């Protein structure tokens, strides 16, 4: 299987980095709670009054604006997570591996997703929709037609994530029965050097320490290296 990033995205965002992790997992048991300490830290120490004022979130608002997408109407996944934390109250627990990558996403304030590879058809790409692709939102089987030119993650048959890092589809969501998972980590230009690697390192270490699996492929895609095979 191959994962490719459209070169046009690198023309628009030359310093873009996409961390790539492929995991072999046992998603049936919880180890140490990695999410709760991160939630407490964000709630106690988030440095900005508004989530969109934090650099790590602001870069996505700006990128969406460059693409003609409203960042307030369609917030990046990391902005949505931060808003959920700052709102207070119970934070959703999904399953061990999803909770782990949510914890890493919130710790480093970068969008992360998880795609069960058993449900993916053909190769995966990040690029611009042709306008003919379908999308079924998570927890819904109602199909949508994706807008032409929208930045999406997709496989050979349909869109996996709409508006780059906004909303994931139903078919490849990570469940307790998932065994092989593709995790992209999207890092915009202008953020600290080493952020991508730090998020990948935490995900790998926490996954292993909690007994939930191991990383079988890792890579970082850049303008010089827009594709990886696994």
Protein backbone atom coordinates (compact mmCIF):
# COMPACT_ATOMS: atom_id res chain seq x y z
CA UNK A 1 0.00 0.00 0.00
CA UNK A 2 1.16 3.53 -0.73
CA UNK A 3 0.37 6.91 0.85
CA UNK A 4 0.95 9.96 -1.34
CA UNK A 5 0.60 13.70 -0.76
CA UNK A 6 -0.36 15.83 -3.78
CA UNK A 7 2.53 18.03 -4.88
CA UNK A 8 0.11 20.97 -5.26
CA UNK A 9 -0.33 20.97 -1.48
CA UNK A 10 3.40 21.40 -1.10
CA UNK A 11 3.31 24.28 -3.56
CA UNK A 12 0.72 25.98 -1.35
CA UNK A 13 2.39 24.96 1.93
CA UNK A 14 6.09 24.28 1.17
CA UNK A 15 7.05 23.42 4.75
CA UNK A 16 4.19 20.98 5.31
CA UNK A 17 5.12 17.75 7.10
CA UNK A 18 2.95 14.66 7.37
CA UNK A 19 4.09 12.15 9.95
CA UNK A 20 3.10 8.58 9.07
CA UNK A 21 2.70 5.73 11.53
CA UNK A 22 1.35 2.28 10.71
CA UNK A 23 0.39 0.34 13.81
CA UNK A 24 -0.24 -3.30 14.56
CA UNK A 25 -2.55 -3.21 17.57
CA UNK A 26 -4.45 -5.08 20.23
CA UNK A 27 -7.24 -2.62 20.96
CA UNK A 28 -9.02 -4.63 23.64
CA UNK A 29 -7.34 -3.56 26.87
CA UNK A 30 -6.50 -0.35 28.68
CA UNK A 31 -3.08 0.26 30.14
CA UNK A 32 -1.96 3.43 31.92
CA UNK A 33 -4.38 6.33 31.45
CA UNK A 34 -2.40 8.66 29.18
CA UNK A 35 -5.36 10.87 28.31
CA UNK A 36 -6.45 12.12 31.74
CA UNK A 37 -3.15 13.90 32.62
CA UNK A 38 -3.13 15.61 29.21
CA UNK A 39 -6.73 16.75 29.65
CA UNK A 40 -5.90 18.18 33.07
CA UNK A 41 -2.84 19.98 31.70
CA UNK A 42 -4.75 21.55 28.81
CA UNK A 43 -7.57 22.64 31.12
CA UNK A 44 -5.17 24.16 33.65
CA UNK A 45 -2.49 25.62 31.41
CA UNK A 46 -3.85 26.38 27.94
CA UNK A 47 -2.18 29.75 27.32
CA UNK A 48 -4.78 31.50 25.16
CA UNK A 49 -8.24 32.80 25.94
CA UNK A 50 -9.51 31.51 22.59
CA UNK A 51 -8.29 28.23 21.06
CA UNK A 52 -7.87 29.84 17.61
CA UNK A 53 -5.30 32.27 19.06
CA UNK A 54 -2.82 29.49 19.79
CA UNK A 55 -0.21 29.23 17.02
CA UNK A 56 -0.77 25.49 16.50
CA UNK A 57 -4.46 26.11 15.84
CA UNK A 58 -4.09 29.49 14.18
CA UNK A 59 -1.99 27.95 11.39
CA UNK A 60 -4.93 25.70 10.49
CA UNK A 61 -7.37 28.60 10.51
CA UNK A 62 -5.01 30.41 8.12
CA UNK A 63 -4.50 27.35 5.91
CA UNK A 64 -8.24 26.77 5.66
CA UNK A 65 -8.71 30.43 4.74
CA UNK A 66 -6.13 30.04 1.99
CA UNK A 67 -8.15 27.10 0.69
CA UNK A 68 -11.45 29.00 0.86
CA UNK A 69 -12.75 27.05 3.86
CA UNK A 70 -14.22 28.66 6.98
CA UNK A 71 -12.12 27.63 9.97
CA UNK A 72 -14.89 28.62 12.36
CA UNK A 73 -17.51 26.55 10.55
CA UNK A 74 -15.17 23.62 9.93
CA UNK A 75 -12.57 23.66 12.74
CA UNK A 76 -9.54 21.41 12.51
CA UNK A 77 -9.73 18.26 14.60
CA UNK A 78 -7.22 19.59 17.12
CA UNK A 79 -9.22 22.80 17.59
CA UNK A 80 -12.36 20.73 18.14
CA UNK A 81 -10.57 18.61 20.76
CA UNK A 82 -9.23 21.65 22.61
CA UNK A 83 -12.67 23.28 22.63
CA UNK A 84 -14.14 20.10 24.06
CA UNK A 85 -11.56 20.06 26.86
CA UNK A 86 -11.91 23.76 27.73
CA UNK A 87 -15.68 23.41 27.84
CA UNK A 88 -15.26 21.15 30.86
CA UNK A 89 -17.24 18.10 31.74
CA UNK A 90 -16.60 14.48 30.71
CA UNK A 91 -14.32 13.99 27.71
CA UNK A 92 -15.38 11.14 25.41
CA UNK A 93 -13.49 7.87 25.80
CA UNK A 94 -13.62 5.79 22.64
CA UNK A 95 -11.22 2.84 22.93
CA UNK A 96 -7.59 2.39 24.02
CA UNK A 97 -5.83 3.35 20.76
CA UNK A 98 -8.15 6.23 19.86
CA UNK A 99 -7.73 7.59 23.38
CA UNK A 100 -3.96 7.32 22.96
CA UNK A 101 -3.80 9.32 19.75
CA UNK A 102 -6.24 11.87 21.15
CA UNK A 103 -3.86 12.28 24.09
CA UNK A 104 -0.87 12.77 21.78
CA UNK A 105 -2.85 15.18 19.60
CA UNK A 106 -3.76 17.30 22.63
CA UNK A 107 -0.29 17.15 24.17
CA UNK A 108 1.40 18.41 21.01
CA UNK A 109 -1.59 20.33 19.57
CA UNK A 110 -1.42 18.69 16.14
CA UNK A 111 -4.22 16.99 14.19
CA UNK A 112 -4.05 13.20 14.26
CA UNK A 113 -6.39 10.59 12.86
CA UNK A 114 -6.65 6.83 12.76
CA UNK A 115 -7.76 4.70 9.81
CA UNK A 116 -8.39 0.97 10.11
CA UNK A 117 -6.55 -0.45 7.11
CA UNK A 118 -8.82 -3.48 6.76
CA UNK A 119 -11.54 -1.12 5.51
CA UNK A 120 -9.34 0.83 3.09
CA UNK A 121 -9.47 0.06 -0.64
CA UNK A 122 -6.25 0.47 -2.62
CA UNK A 123 -3.82 3.29 -1.85
CA UNK A 124 -4.35 6.36 0.34
CA UNK A 125 -3.75 9.91 -0.82
CA UNK A 126 -3.98 13.43 0.53
CA UNK A 127 -4.97 15.90 -2.15
CA UNK A 128 -7.80 17.61 -3.97
CA UNK A 129 -11.20 16.01 -4.56
CA UNK A 130 -12.45 15.61 -8.12
CA UNK A 131 -15.99 16.34 -6.96
CA UNK A 132 -17.30 12.85 -7.72
CA UNK A 133 -16.17 11.10 -4.54
CA UNK A 134 -18.60 10.01 -1.83
CA UNK A 135 -18.24 10.34 1.93
CA UNK A 136 -20.20 8.80 4.82
CA UNK A 137 -19.57 10.70 8.09
CA UNK A 138 -18.59 8.80 11.21
CA UNK A 139 -21.59 7.27 13.00
CA UNK A 140 -23.72 7.75 9.89
CA UNK A 141 -24.15 5.78 6.67
CA UNK A 142 -25.75 8.68 4.80
CA UNK A 143 -23.57 9.45 1.80
CA UNK A 144 -22.41 12.96 0.87
CA UNK A 145 -20.81 14.09 -2.38
CA UNK A 146 -17.57 15.93 -1.76
CA UNK A 147 -17.01 19.40 -3.21
CA UNK A 148 -14.58 19.62 -6.14
CA UNK A 149 -11.21 20.98 -5.07
CA UNK A 150 -11.71 20.19 -1.38
CA UNK A 151 -8.58 18.86 0.33
CA UNK A 152 -9.28 15.31 1.48
CA UNK A 153 -7.75 12.05 2.57
CA UNK A 154 -9.14 9.34 0.29
CA UNK A 155 -8.63 5.78 -0.84
CA UNK A 156 -9.42 4.30 -4.26
CA UNK A 157 -13.19 4.44 -3.77
CA UNK A 158 -14.19 7.20 -1.35
CA UNK A 159 -13.15 10.03 0.92
CA UNK A 160 -11.76 9.09 4.34
CA UNK A 161 -11.49 12.59 5.85
CA UNK A 162 -13.20 15.75 4.61
CA UNK A 163 -11.68 19.24 4.64
CA UNK A 164 -8.21 17.86 5.32
CA UNK A 165 -8.39 17.43 9.10
CA UNK A 166 -12.04 18.16 9.86
CA UNK A 167 -14.23 15.04 9.86
CA UNK A 168 -13.49 11.34 9.33
CA UNK A 169 -15.68 8.75 7.63
CA UNK A 170 -17.51 5.81 9.16
CA UNK A 171 -16.05 2.91 7.23
CA UNK A 172 -12.48 2.99 8.51
CA UNK A 173 -12.94 4.20 12.07
CA UNK A 174 -10.73 2.45 14.62
CA UNK A 175 -12.65 -0.03 16.78
CA UNK A 176 -11.79 -2.70 19.33
CA UNK A 177 -11.63 -5.22 16.47
CA UNK A 178 -9.08 -3.20 14.44
CA UNK A 179 -5.65 -4.77 14.04
CA UNK A 180 -3.79 -2.55 11.57
CA UNK A 181 -4.08 1.24 11.66
CA UNK A 182 -2.74 4.13 9.56
CA UNK A 183 -2.13 7.27 11.64
CA UNK A 184 -1.25 10.53 9.85
CA UNK A 185 0.05 13.50 11.86
CA UNK A 186 -0.43 16.79 9.99
CA UNK A 187 2.02 19.58 10.87
CA UNK A 188 1.75 22.97 9.21
CA UNK A 189 4.73 25.20 8.34
CA UNK A 190 5.72 27.72 10.98
CA UNK A 191 5.53 25.36 13.94
CA UNK A 192 8.59 24.30 15.98
CA UNK A 193 11.15 22.07 14.31
CA UNK A 194 10.92 18.55 15.70
CA UNK A 195 7.20 18.72 16.51
CA UNK A 196 6.33 15.95 14.06
CA UNK A 197 8.99 13.63 15.40
CA UNK A 198 8.03 14.37 19.03
CA UNK A 199 4.39 13.44 18.42
CA UNK A 200 5.40 10.27 16.57
CA UNK A 201 7.79 9.30 19.38
CA UNK A 202 5.15 9.69 22.08
CA UNK A 203 2.61 7.68 20.11
CA UNK A 204 5.10 4.89 19.56
CA UNK A 205 6.31 4.80 23.17
CA UNK A 206 2.85 5.02 24.76
CA UNK A 207 1.44 2.38 22.43
CA UNK A 208 4.17 -0.06 23.42
CA UNK A 209 4.19 0.79 27.12
CA UNK A 210 0.44 0.27 27.35
CA UNK A 211 0.63 -3.11 25.62
CA UNK A 212 -1.58 -1.98 22.75
CA UNK A 213 0.80 -2.83 19.93
CA UNK A 214 3.77 -1.55 17.99
CA UNK A 215 4.74 0.68 15.08
CA UNK A 216 5.58 -1.32 11.96
CA UNK A 217 6.20 1.63 9.63
CA UNK A 218 7.14 5.24 10.27
CA UNK A 219 7.98 8.07 7.90
CA UNK A 220 7.73 11.84 7.53
CA UNK A 221 6.53 13.15 4.17
CA UNK A 222 7.81 16.50 2.93
CA UNK A 223 8.11 18.40 -0.34
CA UNK A 224 11.23 16.34 -1.06
CA UNK A 225 9.57 13.06 -0.10
CA UNK A 226 5.84 13.10 -0.98
CA UNK A 227 5.12 9.34 -0.81
CA UNK A 228 5.76 6.29 1.34
CA UNK A 229 4.97 2.58 0.93
CA UNK A 230 4.03 0.12 3.67
